[in-house]
Amino acid sequence: MMRPFLLERYFAKHEFTAPHLLSSSDCDGWSQKELLSLADAETLALWDGLALGYTQSRGLPLLRREIAKQYRGVSEEQVLVAAPQELIFLAMSALLHKGDRIACTFPGYQSLYEVAHATGCQVDRWEPDESRGWRFDPERLAKLLTPRTKLVVVNFPHNPTGALPSKEDFAEIVRLTKERSIPLFSDEMYRNLEHDEADRLPAACELDDRALSLSGMSKSFGLAGLRIGWLVAKDPEVYRRLTELKDYTTICSAGPAELLALAGLRARETILARHRSRIARNLGVLDAFFRRRPDFTWIRPKAGTVGFAGYNRKEPVAEFCDRAVREAGVMVLPSTMYEYDA
């Protein structure tokens, strides 16, 4: 049985009632009108003629083709479209069995390890070194791998720390999994939001044909309401199993959402540039705030939309966050929602 999703339960309580949200990990959403103003002629023609029936289970072919263009050496036949959360569930269900072990970046988004845990797997937590800027040391990962390890799960850029491995460290992570024939599940939802574009990592699926790369429209694109994500799976047998399991979940995505996602992908440079600009501006505000407040510690994130500040008072962090939303209407997320320092 799956345990309650702590972060989602916390958001359910405060997200739509707190006046000020400082814990949302997605970029600010675009309106439908704004997004359609960026759409090309082909997408607009499809939009005007859209019939609201079932769509293709694997995803609109035009959309899968556009997604494949974002990667080196990937075809539309290796792309599966679904909600990101659904794709995590499908992948874990396809790859894992009771008694297996997984190694997973931690702290992190709970479903990246909870689905495996509920399946009966042992979860080995790969924790970063805070003293080294939240570095995920590949040597620590190597010590977690055993003959029973059937999956390594990573999330880079990392939520919640904003950590991003060097290209050398990431290559070592891929090497460790590749030489042991362990599939690598790579959550890349915040890719393209690197604060220095030179730091951008290759997608895992570009480095290893066994690796699976997860991405979508929710975080970097600010289009979370579309519920459109994708998984790149080059292994034909794994891809086949994913599509079979999807018949038991949503079956297919919503047609309007797929076309809006297509519009967003084709306007990706405009959308991502706006979000990167806002992130840079907001980081400057945060840097100035933390310089004035010695009761917090701050390791500046390298990528993504979130950072993991420390709170140095004796007041328990959960109580501080509860007081912040109650007295100031500001929602901040306590680390206990990540089961970290709980």
C-alpha atoms as a PDB file:
ATOM      1  CA  MET A   1       0.000   0.000   0.000  1.00  0.00           C
ATOM      2  CA  MET A   2       1.295   3.453  -0.861  1.00  0.00           C
ATOM      3  CA  ARG A   3       1.761   5.912   1.936  1.00  0.00           C
ATOM      4  CA  PRO A   4       0.154   9.371   1.644  1.00  0.00           C
ATOM      5  CA  PHE A   5       2.083  11.720  -0.636  1.00  0.00           C
ATOM      6  CA  LEU A   6       3.214  14.244   1.983  1.00  0.00           C
ATOM      7  CA  LEU A   7       4.065  17.117  -0.342  1.00  0.00           C
ATOM      8  CA  GLU A   8       0.822  16.815  -2.306  1.00  0.00           C
ATOM      9  CA  ARG A   9      -1.249  16.644   0.879  1.00  0.00           C
ATOM     10  CA  TYR A  10       0.481  19.826   2.102  1.00  0.00           C
ATOM     11  CA  PHE A  11      -0.229  21.587  -1.189  1.00  0.00           C
ATOM     12  CA  ALA A  12      -3.847  20.429  -1.100  1.00  0.00           C
ATOM     13  CA  LYS A  13      -4.175  22.177   2.247  1.00  0.00           C
ATOM     14  CA  HIS A  14      -2.550  25.507   1.339  1.00  0.00           C
ATOM     15  CA  GLU A  15      -1.986  25.951  -2.408  1.00  0.00           C
ATOM     16  CA  PHE A  16      -5.336  27.520  -3.250  1.00  0.00           C
ATOM     17  CA  THR A  17      -5.886  29.414   0.008  1.00  0.00           C
ATOM     18  CA  ALA A  18      -2.518  30.996   0.881  1.00  0.00           C
ATOM     19  CA  PRO A  19      -2.175  34.435  -0.786  1.00  0.00           C
ATOM     20  CA  HIS A  20       1.558  34.002  -1.420  1.00  0.00           C
ATOM     21  CA  LEU A  21       3.213  30.786  -2.620  1.00  0.00           C
ATOM     22  CA  LEU A  22       6.981  30.448  -2.208  1.00  0.00           C
ATOM     23  CA  SER A  23       7.055  26.690  -2.677  1.00  0.00           C
ATOM     24  CA  SER A  24       5.674  26.097  -6.164  1.00  0.00           C
ATOM     25  CA  SER A  25       8.223  24.292  -8.302  1.00  0.00           C
ATOM     26  CA  ASP A  26       6.620  25.044 -11.664  1.00  0.00           C
ATOM     27  CA  CYS A  27       7.231  28.250 -13.586  1.00  0.00           C
ATOM     28  CA  ASP A  28       4.316  30.702 -13.694  1.00  0.00           C
ATOM     29  CA  GLY A  29       1.579  29.375 -15.933  1.00  0.00           C
ATOM     30  CA  TRP A  30       0.731  30.811 -19.322  1.00  0.00           C
ATOM     31  CA  SER A  31      -2.853  31.589 -20.228  1.00  0.00           C
ATOM     32  CA  GLN A  32      -4.418  29.648 -23.081  1.00  0.00           C
ATOM     33  CA  LYS A  33      -4.771  32.896 -25.027  1.00  0.00           C
ATOM     34  CA  GLU A  34      -1.076  33.720 -24.605  1.00  0.00           C
ATOM     35  CA  LEU A  35      -0.006  30.245 -25.644  1.00  0.00           C
ATOM     36  CA  LEU A  36      -2.220  30.163 -28.732  1.00  0.00           C
ATOM     37  CA  SER A  37      -0.801  33.531 -29.772  1.00  0.00           C
ATOM     38  CA  LEU A  38       2.562  31.734 -30.127  1.00  0.00           C
ATOM     39  CA  ALA A  39       1.163  28.785 -32.097  1.00  0.00           C
ATOM     40  CA  ASP A  40       2.191  28.222 -35.706  1.00  0.00           C
ATOM     41  CA  ALA A  41      -0.300  27.918 -38.571  1.00  0.00           C
ATOM     42  CA  GLU A  42      -0.323  24.106 -38.568  1.00  0.00           C
ATOM     43  CA  THR A  43      -1.123  23.897 -34.857  1.00  0.00           C
ATOM     44  CA  LEU A  44      -3.857  26.541 -35.126  1.00  0.00           C
ATOM     45  CA  ALA A  45      -5.484  24.678 -38.014  1.00  0.00           C
ATOM     46  CA  LEU A  46      -5.512  21.482 -35.954  1.00  0.00           C
ATOM     47  CA  TRP A  47      -6.914  23.408 -32.988  1.00  0.00           C
ATOM     48  CA  ASP A  48      -9.796  24.847 -35.033  1.00  0.00           C
ATOM     49  CA  GLY A  49     -10.714  21.428 -36.408  1.00  0.00           C
ATOM     50  CA  LEU A  50     -10.230  19.426 -33.222  1.00  0.00           C
ATOM     51  CA  ALA A  51     -12.771  16.683 -32.523  1.00  0.00           C
ATOM     52  CA  LEU A  52     -13.166  15.816 -28.838  1.00  0.00           C
ATOM     53  CA  GLY A  53     -12.932  12.071 -29.132  1.00  0.00           C
ATOM     54  CA  TYR A  54     -10.307   9.556 -28.065  1.00  0.00           C
ATOM     55  CA  THR A  55      -6.720  10.280 -29.049  1.00  0.00           C
ATOM     56  CA  GLN A  56      -3.892   7.898 -29.882  1.00  0.00           C
ATOM     57  CA  SER A  57      -2.743   6.084 -26.767  1.00  0.00           C
ATOM     58  CA  ARG A  58       0.982   6.710 -27.290  1.00  0.00           C
ATOM     59  CA  GLY A  59       0.366  10.385 -28.005  1.00  0.00           C
ATOM     60  CA  LEU A  60      -0.330  12.567 -31.028  1.00  0.00           C
ATOM     61  CA  PRO A  61       2.280  11.611 -33.660  1.00  0.00           C
ATOM     62  CA  LEU A  62       3.078  15.275 -34.421  1.00  0.00           C
ATOM     63  CA  LEU A  63       3.661  15.885 -30.719  1.00  0.00           C
ATOM     64  CA  ARG A  64       5.869  12.801 -30.318  1.00  0.00           C
ATOM     65  CA  ARG A  65       7.852  13.897 -33.369  1.00  0.00           C
ATOM     66  CA  GLU A  66       8.347  17.360 -31.867  1.00  0.00           C
ATOM     67  CA  ILE A  67       9.437  15.828 -28.560  1.00  0.00           C
ATOM     68  CA  ALA A  68      11.937  13.554 -30.303  1.00  0.00           C
ATOM     69  CA  LYS A  69      13.560  16.618 -31.887  1.00  0.00           C
ATOM     70  CA  GLN A  70      14.615  17.767 -28.408  1.00  0.00           C
ATOM     71  CA  TYR A  71      16.996  14.785 -28.150  1.00  0.00           C
ATOM     72  CA  ARG A  72      19.939  13.405 -30.061  1.00  0.00           C
ATOM     73  CA  GLY A  73      19.328   9.970 -31.565  1.00  0.00           C
ATOM     74  CA  VAL A  74      15.678   9.613 -30.504  1.00  0.00           C
ATOM     75  CA  SER A  75      12.724   8.789 -32.770  1.00  0.00           C
ATOM     76  CA  GLU A  76       9.029   9.407 -32.199  1.00  0.00           C
ATOM     77  CA  GLU A  77       8.592   5.621 -31.848  1.00  0.00           C
ATOM     78  CA  GLN A  78      10.598   5.806 -28.607  1.00  0.00           C
ATOM     79  CA  VAL A  79       8.434   8.536 -27.033  1.00  0.00           C
ATOM     80  CA  LEU A  80       5.390   7.837 -24.852  1.00  0.00           C
ATOM     81  CA  VAL A  81       3.101  10.728 -23.869  1.00  0.00           C
ATOM     82  CA  ALA A  82       1.181  10.791 -20.579  1.00  0.00           C
ATOM     83  CA  ALA A  83       0.987  12.803 -17.367  1.00  0.00           C
ATOM     84  CA  PRO A  84       4.451  12.900 -15.714  1.00  0.00           C
ATOM     85  CA  GLN A  85       3.210  11.316 -12.480  1.00  0.00           C
ATOM     86  CA  GLU A  86       1.556   8.552 -14.492  1.00  0.00           C
ATOM     87  CA  LEU A  87       4.791   7.871 -16.368  1.00  0.00           C
ATOM     88  CA  ILE A  88       6.688   7.407 -13.101  1.00  0.00           C
ATOM     89  CA  PHE A  89       4.092   4.864 -12.009  1.00  0.00           C
ATOM     90  CA  LEU A  90       4.182   3.050 -15.359  1.00  0.00           C
ATOM     91  CA  ALA A  91       7.970   2.866 -15.453  1.00  0.00           C
ATOM     92  CA  MET A  92       8.287   1.536 -11.902  1.00  0.00           C
ATOM     93  CA  SER A  93       5.538  -0.996 -12.573  1.00  0.00           C
ATOM     94  CA  ALA A  94       7.216  -2.150 -15.786  1.00  0.00           C
ATOM     95  CA  LEU A  95      10.746  -2.448 -14.424  1.00  0.00           C
ATOM     96  CA  LEU A  96      10.461  -3.583 -10.803  1.00  0.00           C
ATOM     97  CA  HIS A  97       9.333  -6.617  -8.832  1.00  0.00           C
ATOM     98  CA  LYS A  98       8.960  -7.379  -5.147  1.00  0.00           C
ATOM     99  CA  GLY A  99      12.360  -7.992  -3.570  1.00  0.00           C
ATOM    100  CA  ASP A 100      14.281  -5.756  -5.971  1.00  0.00           C
ATOM    101  CA  ARG A 101      16.376  -2.815  -4.781  1.00  0.00           C
ATOM    102  CA  ILE A 102      16.575   0.675  -6.202  1.00  0.00           C
ATOM    103  CA  ALA A 103      19.025   3.491  -5.532  1.00  0.00           C
ATOM    104  CA  CYS A 104      17.387   6.914  -5.633  1.00  0.00           C
ATOM    105  CA  THR A 105      18.475  10.527  -5.178  1.00  0.00           C
ATOM    106  CA  PHE A 106      17.170  11.746  -1.821  1.00  0.00           C
ATOM    107  CA  PRO A 107      15.528  13.993  -0.677  1.00  0.00           C
ATOM    108  CA  GLY A 108      13.234  14.110  -3.641  1.00  0.00           C
ATOM    109  CA  TYR A 109       9.799  13.896  -5.150  1.00  0.00           C
ATOM    110  CA  GLN A 110       8.142  11.127  -3.180  1.00  0.00           C
ATOM    111  CA  SER A 111       6.757   9.092  -6.068  1.00  0.00           C
ATOM    112  CA  LEU A 112      10.284   8.552  -7.421  1.00  0.00           C
ATOM    113  CA  TYR A 113      10.855   6.092  -4.587  1.00  0.00           C
ATOM    114  CA  GLU A 114       7.424   5.455  -3.014  1.00  0.00           C
ATOM    115  CA  VAL A 115       6.026   3.498  -5.974  1.00  0.00           C
ATOM    116  CA  ALA A 116       9.019   1.158  -5.747  1.00  0.00           C
ATOM    117  CA  HIS A 117       8.639   0.900  -1.967  1.00  0.00           C
ATOM    118  CA  ALA A 118       4.944   0.011  -2.295  1.00  0.00           C
ATOM    119  CA  THR A 119       5.852  -2.647  -4.864  1.00  0.00           C
ATOM    120  CA  GLY A 120       7.958  -4.353  -2.201  1.00  0.00           C
ATOM    121  CA  CYS A 121      11.355  -3.021  -3.211  1.00  0.00           C
ATOM    122  CA  GLN A 122      14.099  -1.874  -0.879  1.00  0.00           C
ATOM    123  CA  VAL A 123      14.954   1.791  -1.449  1.00  0.00           C
ATOM    124  CA  ASP A 124      18.584   2.823  -0.943  1.00  0.00           C
ATOM    125  CA  ARG A 125      18.773   6.594  -0.541  1.00  0.00           C
ATOM    126  CA  TRP A 126      21.572   8.403  -2.346  1.00  0.00           C
ATOM    127  CA  GLU A 127      21.992  11.592  -0.322  1.00  0.00           C
ATOM    128  CA  PRO A 128      24.033  14.650  -1.350  1.00  0.00           C
ATOM    129  CA  ASP A 129      26.881  16.285   0.552  1.00  0.00           C
ATOM    130  CA  GLU A 130      25.559  19.621   1.794  1.00  0.00           C
ATOM    131  CA  SER A 131      29.062  20.810   2.716  1.00  0.00           C
ATOM    132  CA  ARG A 132      30.031  20.485  -0.966  1.00  0.00           C
ATOM    133  CA  GLY A 133      27.111  22.447  -2.382  1.00  0.00           C
ATOM    134  CA  TRP A 134      24.645  19.532  -2.297  1.00  0.00           C
ATOM    135  CA  ARG A 135      26.945  17.421  -4.467  1.00  0.00           C
ATOM    136  CA  PHE A 136      25.682  13.950  -5.344  1.00  0.00           C
ATOM    137  CA  ASP A 137      28.967  12.054  -5.199  1.00  0.00           C
ATOM    138  CA  PRO A 138      29.100   9.109  -7.642  1.00  0.00           C
ATOM    139  CA  GLU A 139      31.295   7.241  -5.163  1.00  0.00           C
ATOM    140  CA  ARG A 140      28.410   7.249  -2.699  1.00  0.00           C
ATOM    141  CA  LEU A 141      26.152   5.850  -5.401  1.00  0.00           C
ATOM    142  CA  ALA A 142      28.647   3.089  -6.236  1.00  0.00           C
ATOM    143  CA  LYS A 143      28.566   1.896  -2.611  1.00  0.00           C
ATOM    144  CA  LEU A 144      24.769   1.512  -2.784  1.00  0.00           C
ATOM    145  CA  LEU A 145      24.719  -0.731  -5.848  1.00  0.00           C
ATOM    146  CA  THR A 146      24.294  -4.462  -5.289  1.00  0.00           C
ATOM    147  CA  PRO A 147      23.428  -7.475  -7.475  1.00  0.00           C
ATOM    148  CA  ARG A 148      19.794  -6.918  -6.436  1.00  0.00           C
ATOM    149  CA  THR A 149      19.764  -3.291  -7.615  1.00  0.00           C
ATOM    150  CA  LYS A 150      17.403  -3.237 -10.588  1.00  0.00           C
ATOM    151  CA  LEU A 151      17.006   0.511 -11.097  1.00  0.00           C
ATOM    152  CA  VAL A 152      18.857   3.750 -10.364  1.00  0.00           C
ATOM    153  CA  VAL A 153      16.614   6.812 -10.125  1.00  0.00           C
ATOM    154  CA  VAL A 154      18.031  10.329 -10.452  1.00  0.00           C
ATOM    155  CA  ASN A 155      16.522  13.804 -10.682  1.00  0.00           C
ATOM    156  CA  PHE A 156      18.728  16.476 -12.236  1.00  0.00           C
ATOM    157  CA  PRO A 157      18.325  19.437 -12.027  1.00  0.00           C
ATOM    158  CA  HIS A 158      17.428  18.341  -8.527  1.00  0.00           C
ATOM    159  CA  ASN A 159      14.279  19.126  -6.593  1.00  0.00           C
ATOM    160  CA  PRO A 160      14.526  20.427  -3.868  1.00  0.00           C
ATOM    161  CA  THR A 161      18.209  21.467  -3.669  1.00  0.00           C
ATOM    162  CA  GLY A 162      18.679  22.877  -7.170  1.00  0.00           C
ATOM    163  CA  ALA A 163      21.841  20.770  -7.459  1.00  0.00           C
ATOM    164  CA  LEU A 164      23.235  19.872 -10.857  1.00  0.00           C
ATOM    165  CA  PRO A 165      26.138  17.443 -11.274  1.00  0.00           C
ATOM    166  CA  SER A 166      29.136  18.342 -13.347  1.00  0.00           C
ATOM    167  CA  LYS A 167      29.212  16.709 -16.756  1.00  0.00           C
ATOM    168  CA  GLU A 168      32.030  14.491 -15.477  1.00  0.00           C
ATOM    169  CA  ASP A 169      29.996  13.330 -12.466  1.00  0.00           C
ATOM    170  CA  PHE A 170      26.967  12.650 -14.649  1.00  0.00           C
ATOM    171  CA  ALA A 171      29.061  10.645 -17.099  1.00  0.00           C
ATOM    172  CA  GLU A 172      30.329   8.591 -14.140  1.00  0.00           C
ATOM    173  CA  ILE A 173      26.759   7.965 -12.963  1.00  0.00           C
ATOM    174  CA  VAL A 174      25.846   6.674 -16.414  1.00  0.00           C
ATOM    175  CA  ARG A 175      29.013   4.553 -16.519  1.00  0.00           C
ATOM    176  CA  LEU A 176      28.215   2.954 -13.152  1.00  0.00           C
ATOM    177  CA  THR A 177      24.748   1.903 -14.293  1.00  0.00           C
ATOM    178  CA  LYS A 178      25.810   0.943 -17.793  1.00  0.00           C
ATOM    179  CA  GLU A 179      28.616  -1.412 -16.754  1.00  0.00           C
ATOM    180  CA  ARG A 180      26.224  -3.202 -14.363  1.00  0.00           C
ATOM    181  CA  SER A 181      23.358  -3.284 -16.913  1.00  0.00           C
ATOM    182  CA  ILE A 182      21.120  -1.385 -14.483  1.00  0.00           C
ATOM    183  CA  PRO A 183      18.504   0.827 -16.164  1.00  0.00           C
ATOM    184  CA  LEU A 184      18.774   4.515 -15.245  1.00  0.00           C
ATOM    185  CA  PHE A 185      15.507   6.385 -14.735  1.00  0.00           C
ATOM    186  CA  SER A 186      16.300  10.083 -15.144  1.00  0.00           C
ATOM    187  CA  ASP A 187      13.750  12.689 -14.059  1.00  0.00           C
ATOM    188  CA  GLU A 188      14.678  15.700 -16.222  1.00  0.00           C
ATOM    189  CA  MET A 189      11.592  17.832 -15.591  1.00  0.00           C
ATOM    190  CA  TYR A 190      13.676  20.954 -14.847  1.00  0.00           C
ATOM    191  CA  ARG A 191      16.071  20.595 -17.770  1.00  0.00           C
ATOM    192  CA  ASN A 192      16.605  23.807 -19.785  1.00  0.00           C
ATOM    193  CA  LEU A 193      16.403  25.912 -16.619  1.00  0.00           C
ATOM    194  CA  GLU A 194      20.145  25.871 -15.912  1.00  0.00           C
ATOM    195  CA  HIS A 195      21.301  29.213 -14.529  1.00  0.00           C
ATOM    196  CA  ASP A 196      24.372  28.887 -16.724  1.00  0.00           C
ATOM    197  CA  GLU A 197      23.480  27.279 -20.035  1.00  0.00           C
ATOM    198  CA  ALA A 198      26.983  25.781 -20.267  1.00  0.00           C
ATOM    199  CA  ASP A 199      26.091  23.528 -17.316  1.00  0.00           C
ATOM    200  CA  ARG A 200      23.267  21.753 -19.167  1.00  0.00           C
ATOM    201  CA  LEU A 201      23.644  17.986 -19.054  1.00  0.00           C
ATOM    202  CA  PRO A 202      22.874  15.640 -21.921  1.00  0.00           C
ATOM    203  CA  ALA A 203      19.698  13.665 -21.485  1.00  0.00           C
ATOM    204  CA  ALA A 204      20.331  10.227 -19.985  1.00  0.00           C
ATOM    205  CA  CYS A 205      18.667   8.545 -22.966  1.00  0.00           C
ATOM    206  CA  GLU A 206      21.303  10.127 -25.217  1.00  0.00           C
ATOM    207  CA  LEU A 207      24.101   8.424 -23.277  1.00  0.00           C
ATOM    208  CA  ASP A 208      22.670   4.943 -22.703  1.00  0.00           C
ATOM    209  CA  ASP A 209      20.046   3.053 -24.695  1.00  0.00           C
ATOM    210  CA  ARG A 210      18.802   1.399 -21.487  1.00  0.00           C
ATOM    211  CA  ALA A 211      18.184   4.747 -19.774  1.00  0.00           C
ATOM    212  CA  LEU A 212      14.752   6.358 -19.597  1.00  0.00           C
ATOM    213  CA  SER A 213      14.359  10.145 -19.673  1.00  0.00           C
ATOM    214  CA  LEU A 214      11.278  11.778 -18.131  1.00  0.00           C
ATOM    215  CA  SER A 215      10.267  15.311 -19.033  1.00  0.00           C
ATOM    216  CA  GLY A 216       7.158  17.346 -19.716  1.00  0.00           C
ATOM    217  CA  MET A 217       5.380  20.655 -19.926  1.00  0.00           C
ATOM    218  CA  SER A 218       4.793  21.170 -16.185  1.00  0.00           C
ATOM    219  CA  LYS A 219       7.988  22.679 -14.793  1.00  0.00           C
ATOM    220  CA  SER A 220      10.295  24.310 -17.345  1.00  0.00           C
ATOM    221  CA  PHE A 221       7.424  25.319 -19.643  1.00  0.00           C
ATOM    222  CA  GLY A 222       4.997  26.564 -16.973  1.00  0.00           C
ATOM    223  CA  LEU A 223       2.128  24.535 -18.461  1.00  0.00           C
ATOM    224  CA  ALA A 224       1.381  22.200 -15.579  1.00  0.00           C
ATOM    225  CA  GLY A 225      -2.372  22.269 -16.180  1.00  0.00           C
ATOM    226  CA  LEU A 226      -1.968  20.473 -19.496  1.00  0.00           C
ATOM    227  CA  ARG A 227      -0.884  17.306 -17.649  1.00  0.00           C
ATOM    228  CA  ILE A 228       1.334  16.410 -20.586  1.00  0.00           C
ATOM    229  CA  GLY A 229       4.687  14.745 -20.070  1.00  0.00           C
ATOM    230  CA  TRP A 230       6.742  12.163 -21.913  1.00  0.00           C
ATOM    231  CA  LEU A 231       9.081   9.293 -21.352  1.00  0.00           C
ATOM    232  CA  VAL A 232      11.829   8.374 -23.802  1.00  0.00           C
ATOM    233  CA  ALA A 233      12.454   4.616 -23.724  1.00  0.00           C
ATOM    234  CA  LYS A 234      14.748   3.195 -26.391  1.00  0.00           C
ATOM    235  CA  ASP A 235      14.530  -0.421 -25.223  1.00  0.00           C
ATOM    236  CA  PRO A 236      11.747  -1.915 -27.419  1.00  0.00           C
ATOM    237  CA  GLU A 237      10.641  -4.438 -24.803  1.00  0.00           C
ATOM    238  CA  VAL A 238      10.406  -1.796 -22.058  1.00  0.00           C
ATOM    239  CA  TYR A 239       8.500   0.528 -24.395  1.00  0.00           C
ATOM    240  CA  ARG A 240       6.066  -2.264 -25.287  1.00  0.00           C
ATOM    241  CA  ARG A 241       5.419  -2.980 -21.618  1.00  0.00           C
ATOM    242  CA  LEU A 242       4.854   0.701 -20.864  1.00  0.00           C
ATOM    243  CA  THR A 243       2.221   0.972 -23.579  1.00  0.00           C
ATOM    244  CA  GLU A 244       0.464  -2.171 -22.347  1.00  0.00           C
ATOM    245  CA  LEU A 245       0.300  -0.847 -18.796  1.00  0.00           C
ATOM    246  CA  LYS A 246      -1.005   2.516 -19.978  1.00  0.00           C
ATOM    247  CA  ASP A 247      -4.169   0.735 -21.119  1.00  0.00           C
ATOM    248  CA  TYR A 248      -4.956   0.378 -17.408  1.00  0.00           C
ATOM    249  CA  THR A 249      -4.406   4.041 -16.544  1.00  0.00           C
ATOM    250  CA  THR A 250      -5.521   7.016 -18.646  1.00  0.00           C
ATOM    251  CA  ILE A 251      -5.459   5.126 -21.973  1.00  0.00           C
ATOM    252  CA  CYS A 252      -4.851   8.418 -23.804  1.00  0.00           C
ATOM    253  CA  SER A 253      -4.262  12.112 -23.218  1.00  0.00           C
ATOM    254  CA  ALA A 254      -6.755  14.936 -23.796  1.00  0.00           C
ATOM    255  CA  GLY A 255      -6.673  16.201 -27.384  1.00  0.00           C
ATOM    256  CA  PRO A 256      -6.738  19.933 -26.489  1.00  0.00           C
ATOM    257  CA  ALA A 257      -3.860  19.439 -24.057  1.00  0.00           C
ATOM    258  CA  GLU A 258      -1.758  17.678 -26.692  1.00  0.00           C
ATOM    259  CA  LEU A 259      -2.223  20.511 -29.192  1.00  0.00           C
ATOM    260  CA  LEU A 260      -1.422  23.157 -26.588  1.00  0.00           C
ATOM    261  CA  ALA A 261       1.698  21.171 -25.679  1.00  0.00           C
ATOM    262  CA  LEU A 262       2.648  21.104 -29.364  1.00  0.00           C
ATOM    263  CA  ALA A 263       2.270  24.889 -29.501  1.00  0.00           C
ATOM    264  CA  GLY A 264       4.440  25.237 -26.399  1.00  0.00           C
ATOM    265  CA  LEU A 265       7.183  22.990 -27.715  1.00  0.00           C
ATOM    266  CA  ARG A 266       7.334  24.807 -31.025  1.00  0.00           C
ATOM    267  CA  ALA A 267       7.611  28.123 -29.162  1.00  0.00           C
ATOM    268  CA  ARG A 268      10.090  26.683 -26.659  1.00  0.00           C
ATOM    269  CA  GLU A 269      12.781  29.343 -27.033  1.00  0.00           C
ATOM    270  CA  THR A 270      10.333  32.185 -26.317  1.00  0.00           C
ATOM    271  CA  ILE A 271       8.804  30.378 -23.345  1.00  0.00           C
ATOM    272  CA  LEU A 272      12.052  29.182 -21.783  1.00  0.00           C
ATOM    273  CA  ALA A 273      13.759  32.554 -22.219  1.00  0.00           C
ATOM    274  CA  ARG A 274      10.984  34.265 -20.255  1.00  0.00           C
ATOM    275  CA  HIS A 275      11.204  31.741 -17.460  1.00  0.00           C
ATOM    276  CA  ARG A 276      15.004  31.838 -17.217  1.00  0.00           C
ATOM    277  CA  SER A 277      14.872  35.631 -17.037  1.00  0.00           C
ATOM    278  CA  ARG A 278      12.357  35.551 -14.192  1.00  0.00           C
ATOM    279  CA  ILE A 279      14.358  32.929 -12.309  1.00  0.00           C
ATOM    280  CA  ALA A 280      17.529  35.044 -12.563  1.00  0.00           C
ATOM    281  CA  ARG A 281      15.664  38.076 -11.239  1.00  0.00           C
ATOM    282  CA  ASN A 282      14.122  36.126  -8.364  1.00  0.00           C
ATOM    283  CA  LEU A 283      17.467  34.583  -7.436  1.00  0.00           C
ATOM    284  CA  GLY A 284      18.873  38.073  -7.020  1.00  0.00           C
ATOM    285  CA  VAL A 285      16.052  38.921  -4.618  1.00  0.00           C
ATOM    286  CA  LEU A 286      16.690  35.746  -2.629  1.00  0.00           C
ATOM    287  CA  ASP A 287      20.449  36.328  -2.497  1.00  0.00           C
ATOM    288  CA  ALA A 288      19.888  39.799  -1.036  1.00  0.00           C
ATOM    289  CA  PHE A 289      17.370  38.449   1.492  1.00  0.00           C
ATOM    290  CA  PHE A 290      19.659  35.713   2.765  1.00  0.00           C
ATOM    291  CA  ARG A 291      22.578  38.132   3.087  1.00  0.00           C
ATOM    292  CA  ARG A 292      20.455  40.101   5.534  1.00  0.00           C
ATOM    293  CA  ARG A 293      19.246  37.065   7.471  1.00  0.00           C
ATOM    294  CA  PRO A 294      21.922  35.037   9.299  1.00  0.00           C
ATOM    295  CA  ASP A 295      19.158  32.860  10.776  1.00  0.00           C
ATOM    296  CA  PHE A 296      19.013  31.118   7.388  1.00  0.00           C
ATOM    297  CA  THR A 297      21.646  29.261   5.387  1.00  0.00           C
ATOM    298  CA  TRP A 298      21.572  29.366   1.615  1.00  0.00           C
ATOM    299  CA  ILE A 299      23.343  27.244  -0.960  1.00  0.00           C
ATOM    300  CA  ARG A 300      22.563  28.909  -4.263  1.00  0.00           C
ATOM    301  CA  PRO A 301      20.930  26.427  -6.684  1.00  0.00           C
ATOM    302  CA  LYS A 302      22.622  25.772 -10.014  1.00  0.00           C
ATOM    303  CA  ALA A 303      19.465  25.033 -11.965  1.00  0.00           C
ATOM    304  CA  GLY A 304      15.711  24.750 -11.783  1.00  0.00           C
ATOM    305  CA  THR A 305      13.095  26.718  -9.910  1.00  0.00           C
ATOM    306  CA  VAL A 306      13.703  25.727  -6.284  1.00  0.00           C
ATOM    307  CA  GLY A 307      16.358  25.966  -3.581  1.00  0.00           C
ATOM    308  CA  PHE A 308      16.768  24.311  -0.191  1.00  0.00           C
ATOM    309  CA  ALA A 309      17.401  26.945   2.459  1.00  0.00           C
ATOM    310  CA  GLY A 310      18.362  26.019   6.015  1.00  0.00           C
ATOM    311  CA  TYR A 311      16.604  27.447   9.090  1.00  0.00           C
ATOM    312  CA  ASN A 312      18.926  27.991  12.041  1.00  0.00           C
ATOM    313  CA  ARG A 313      16.554  28.714  14.918  1.00  0.00           C
ATOM    314  CA  LYS A 314      15.430  26.316  17.622  1.00  0.00           C
ATOM    315  CA  GLU A 315      11.825  26.491  16.450  1.00  0.00           C
ATOM    316  CA  PRO A 316      11.014  23.291  14.537  1.00  0.00           C
ATOM    317  CA  VAL A 317      10.865  24.029  10.828  1.00  0.00           C
ATOM    318  CA  ALA A 318       7.349  22.597  10.462  1.00  0.00           C
ATOM    319  CA  GLU A 319       6.112  24.986  13.147  1.00  0.00           C
ATOM    320  CA  PHE A 320       7.849  27.912  11.439  1.00  0.00           C
ATOM    321  CA  CYS A 321       6.188  27.087   8.114  1.00  0.00           C
ATOM    322  CA  ASP A 322       2.803  26.683   9.781  1.00  0.00           C
ATOM    323  CA  ARG A 323       3.228  30.077  11.433  1.00  0.00           C
ATOM    324  CA  ALA A 324       4.319  31.694   8.155  1.00  0.00           C
ATOM    325  CA  VAL A 325       1.171  30.657   6.330  1.00  0.00           C
ATOM    326  CA  ARG A 326      -1.104  31.375   9.299  1.00  0.00           C
ATOM    327  CA  GLU A 327       0.268  34.793  10.278  1.00  0.00           C
ATOM    328  CA  ALA A 328       1.650  36.135   6.985  1.00  0.00           C
ATOM    329  CA  GLY A 329      -0.234  34.168   4.337  1.00  0.00           C
ATOM    330  CA  VAL A 330       3.066  32.901   2.930  1.00  0.00           C
ATOM    331  CA  MET A 331       3.331  29.223   2.039  1.00  0.00           C
ATOM    332  CA  VAL A 332       6.807  27.754   2.407  1.00  0.00           C
ATOM    333  CA  LEU A 333       7.439  24.042   2.360  1.00  0.00           C
ATOM    334  CA  PRO A 334       9.073  22.368   5.381  1.00  0.00           C
ATOM    335  CA  SER A 335      11.768  19.759   4.745  1.00  0.00           C
ATOM    336  CA  THR A 336       9.624  17.260   6.641  1.00  0.00           C
ATOM    337  CA  MET A 337       7.425  17.066   3.529  1.00  0.00           C
ATOM    338  CA  TYR A 338      10.468  15.510   1.858  1.00  0.00           C
ATOM    339  CA  GLU A 339      11.007  13.212   4.846  1.00  0.00           C
ATOM    340  CA  TYR A 340      14.313  15.025   5.332  1.00  0.00           C
ATOM    341  CA  ASP A 341      15.476  15.979   8.825  1.00  0.00           C
ATOM    342  CA  ALA A 342      12.056  14.812   9.984  1.00  0.00           C
END
